[in-house]
């Protein structure tokens, strides 16, 4: 199951009706869905401009991607620490979502 700590369980939105998925499937669905959305010329025809009406997609995408960090932090801590020590990916992503107000600070679990 896709969880972060014992308090948070996430349903996968890649299905018609959100449902439980194994964590690895949730991660793949989230990354594939985010990639497909960003590559969709209907929503993002330009690589340099985002139509104001389509900016709404970023908040949902940011939340779902952040859940991957939270899951790895709580359930695979050594892997999280090793990657974060080298890449600072979660820290950079968290800074990005705060800078552009894509998530509220209360949603940052890591």
C-alpha atoms as a PDB file:
ATOM      1  CA  UNK A   1       0.000   0.000   0.000  1.00  0.00           C
ATOM      2  CA  UNK A   2       1.058   3.542  -0.615  1.00  0.00           C
ATOM      3  CA  UNK A   3       1.458   4.981   2.862  1.00  0.00           C
ATOM      4  CA  UNK A   4       3.513   7.551   4.725  1.00  0.00           C
ATOM      5  CA  UNK A   5       3.889   6.708   8.406  1.00  0.00           C
ATOM      6  CA  UNK A   6       0.986   4.916  10.030  1.00  0.00           C
ATOM      7  CA  UNK A   7      -1.297   7.916   9.609  1.00  0.00           C
ATOM      8  CA  UNK A   8      -1.407   8.469   5.854  1.00  0.00           C
ATOM      9  CA  UNK A   9      -2.633   6.122   3.147  1.00  0.00           C
ATOM     10  CA  UNK A  10      -2.890   7.368  -0.417  1.00  0.00           C
ATOM     11  CA  UNK A  11      -5.230   6.161  -3.121  1.00  0.00           C
ATOM     12  CA  UNK A  12      -3.980   6.035  -6.685  1.00  0.00           C
ATOM     13  CA  UNK A  13      -5.725   8.522  -8.995  1.00  0.00           C
ATOM     14  CA  UNK A  14      -4.594   6.736 -12.163  1.00  0.00           C
ATOM     15  CA  UNK A  15      -7.787   4.697 -12.189  1.00  0.00           C
ATOM     16  CA  UNK A  16     -11.360   5.744 -13.008  1.00  0.00           C
ATOM     17  CA  UNK A  17     -12.146   5.488  -9.314  1.00  0.00           C
ATOM     18  CA  UNK A  18      -9.151   6.141  -6.997  1.00  0.00           C
ATOM     19  CA  UNK A  19      -8.028   2.866  -5.423  1.00  0.00           C
ATOM     20  CA  UNK A  20      -5.326   1.199  -3.387  1.00  0.00           C
ATOM     21  CA  UNK A  21      -2.200   0.287  -5.308  1.00  0.00           C
ATOM     22  CA  UNK A  22       1.058  -1.268  -4.234  1.00  0.00           C
ATOM     23  CA  UNK A  23       3.500   1.539  -3.460  1.00  0.00           C
ATOM     24  CA  UNK A  24       5.693   0.812  -6.490  1.00  0.00           C
ATOM     25  CA  UNK A  25       2.621   0.849  -8.759  1.00  0.00           C
ATOM     26  CA  UNK A  26       1.424   4.127  -7.221  1.00  0.00           C
ATOM     27  CA  UNK A  27       4.840   5.635  -7.875  1.00  0.00           C
ATOM     28  CA  UNK A  28       4.951   4.450 -11.482  1.00  0.00           C
ATOM     29  CA  UNK A  29       1.377   5.589 -12.146  1.00  0.00           C
ATOM     30  CA  UNK A  30       2.145   9.003 -10.626  1.00  0.00           C
ATOM     31  CA  UNK A  31       5.359   9.527 -12.577  1.00  0.00           C
ATOM     32  CA  UNK A  32       3.828   8.238 -15.827  1.00  0.00           C
ATOM     33  CA  UNK A  33       0.730  10.386 -15.360  1.00  0.00           C
ATOM     34  CA  UNK A  34       2.763  13.504 -14.585  1.00  0.00           C
ATOM     35  CA  UNK A  35       4.981  12.923 -17.606  1.00  0.00           C
ATOM     36  CA  UNK A  36       1.982  12.362 -19.887  1.00  0.00           C
ATOM     37  CA  UNK A  37       0.287  15.518 -18.636  1.00  0.00           C
ATOM     38  CA  UNK A  38       3.372  17.685 -19.099  1.00  0.00           C
ATOM     39  CA  UNK A  39       3.959  16.262 -22.592  1.00  0.00           C
ATOM     40  CA  UNK A  40       0.326  16.837 -23.607  1.00  0.00           C
ATOM     41  CA  UNK A  41       0.297  19.649 -26.175  1.00  0.00           C
ATOM     42  CA  UNK A  42      -3.396  20.283 -25.433  1.00  0.00           C
ATOM     43  CA  UNK A  43      -2.516  21.489 -21.934  1.00  0.00           C
ATOM     44  CA  UNK A  44       1.076  22.637 -22.399  1.00  0.00           C
ATOM     45  CA  UNK A  45       1.676  23.623 -26.010  1.00  0.00           C
ATOM     46  CA  UNK A  46       4.706  25.714 -25.096  1.00  0.00           C
ATOM     47  CA  UNK A  47       7.730  24.747 -23.035  1.00  0.00           C
ATOM     48  CA  UNK A  48       8.178  28.354 -21.908  1.00  0.00           C
ATOM     49  CA  UNK A  49       4.643  29.429 -20.961  1.00  0.00           C
ATOM     50  CA  UNK A  50       1.855  27.871 -18.936  1.00  0.00           C
ATOM     51  CA  UNK A  51      -1.665  28.990 -19.818  1.00  0.00           C
ATOM     52  CA  UNK A  52      -3.237  30.356 -16.604  1.00  0.00           C
ATOM     53  CA  UNK A  53      -6.135  27.900 -16.867  1.00  0.00           C
ATOM     54  CA  UNK A  54      -3.720  24.961 -16.872  1.00  0.00           C
ATOM     55  CA  UNK A  55      -1.664  26.020 -13.851  1.00  0.00           C
ATOM     56  CA  UNK A  56      -4.231  24.174 -11.715  1.00  0.00           C
ATOM     57  CA  UNK A  57      -2.666  20.860 -12.725  1.00  0.00           C
ATOM     58  CA  UNK A  58       0.586  21.656 -10.927  1.00  0.00           C
ATOM     59  CA  UNK A  59      -0.838  21.585  -7.396  1.00  0.00           C
ATOM     60  CA  UNK A  60      -2.293  18.112  -7.767  1.00  0.00           C
ATOM     61  CA  UNK A  61       0.840  16.867  -9.508  1.00  0.00           C
ATOM     62  CA  UNK A  62       3.089  18.321  -6.801  1.00  0.00           C
ATOM     63  CA  UNK A  63       1.039  16.685  -4.024  1.00  0.00           C
ATOM     64  CA  UNK A  64       1.153  13.294  -5.694  1.00  0.00           C
ATOM     65  CA  UNK A  65       4.876  13.482  -6.429  1.00  0.00           C
ATOM     66  CA  UNK A  66       5.601  14.612  -2.883  1.00  0.00           C
ATOM     67  CA  UNK A  67       3.832  11.535  -1.546  1.00  0.00           C
ATOM     68  CA  UNK A  68       6.588   9.456  -3.115  1.00  0.00           C
ATOM     69  CA  UNK A  69       9.178  11.294  -1.005  1.00  0.00           C
ATOM     70  CA  UNK A  70       7.054  10.829   2.124  1.00  0.00           C
ATOM     71  CA  UNK A  71       6.629   7.104   1.492  1.00  0.00           C
ATOM     72  CA  UNK A  72      10.335   6.544   0.951  1.00  0.00           C
ATOM     73  CA  UNK A  73      11.197   8.662   4.004  1.00  0.00           C
ATOM     74  CA  UNK A  74       8.934   6.659   6.334  1.00  0.00           C
ATOM     75  CA  UNK A  75       9.362   3.176   4.886  1.00  0.00           C
ATOM     76  CA  UNK A  76      12.813   3.124   3.256  1.00  0.00           C
ATOM     77  CA  UNK A  77      14.706   5.595   5.406  1.00  0.00           C
ATOM     78  CA  UNK A  78      18.218   4.457   4.568  1.00  0.00           C
ATOM     79  CA  UNK A  79      17.543   4.779   0.838  1.00  0.00           C
ATOM     80  CA  UNK A  80      15.992   8.210   1.397  1.00  0.00           C
ATOM     81  CA  UNK A  81      18.956   9.376   3.483  1.00  0.00           C
ATOM     82  CA  UNK A  82      21.523   8.072   0.994  1.00  0.00           C
ATOM     83  CA  UNK A  83      19.886   9.746  -1.989  1.00  0.00           C
ATOM     84  CA  UNK A  84      19.081  12.949  -0.128  1.00  0.00           C
ATOM     85  CA  UNK A  85      22.663  13.265   1.131  1.00  0.00           C
ATOM     86  CA  UNK A  86      23.920  13.201  -2.430  1.00  0.00           C
ATOM     87  CA  UNK A  87      21.155  14.825  -4.479  1.00  0.00           C
ATOM     88  CA  UNK A  88      19.037  16.901  -2.030  1.00  0.00           C
ATOM     89  CA  UNK A  89      16.104  16.060  -4.288  1.00  0.00           C
ATOM     90  CA  UNK A  90      13.403  16.206  -1.617  1.00  0.00           C
ATOM     91  CA  UNK A  91      14.799  19.445  -0.203  1.00  0.00           C
ATOM     92  CA  UNK A  92      14.901  21.023  -3.667  1.00  0.00           C
ATOM     93  CA  UNK A  93      11.408  19.777  -4.533  1.00  0.00           C
ATOM     94  CA  UNK A  94      10.059  21.079  -1.207  1.00  0.00           C
ATOM     95  CA  UNK A  95      11.669  24.473  -1.839  1.00  0.00           C
ATOM     96  CA  UNK A  96      10.154  24.549  -5.338  1.00  0.00           C
ATOM     97  CA  UNK A  97       6.622  23.747  -4.164  1.00  0.00           C
ATOM     98  CA  UNK A  98       6.834  26.345  -1.406  1.00  0.00           C
ATOM     99  CA  UNK A  99       8.252  29.022  -3.713  1.00  0.00           C
ATOM    100  CA  UNK A 100       5.411  28.577  -6.197  1.00  0.00           C
ATOM    101  CA  UNK A 101       2.764  27.881  -3.519  1.00  0.00           C
ATOM    102  CA  UNK A 102       1.901  24.469  -4.932  1.00  0.00           C
ATOM    103  CA  UNK A 103       1.411  22.921  -1.476  1.00  0.00           C
ATOM    104  CA  UNK A 104       0.677  24.265   1.978  1.00  0.00           C
ATOM    105  CA  UNK A 105       3.510  23.933   4.506  1.00  0.00           C
ATOM    106  CA  UNK A 106       1.296  21.699   6.661  1.00  0.00           C
ATOM    107  CA  UNK A 107       1.344  19.055   3.907  1.00  0.00           C
ATOM    108  CA  UNK A 108       5.131  18.691   4.036  1.00  0.00           C
ATOM    109  CA  UNK A 109       5.694  15.590   6.142  1.00  0.00           C
ATOM    110  CA  UNK A 110       9.418  15.162   5.495  1.00  0.00           C
END
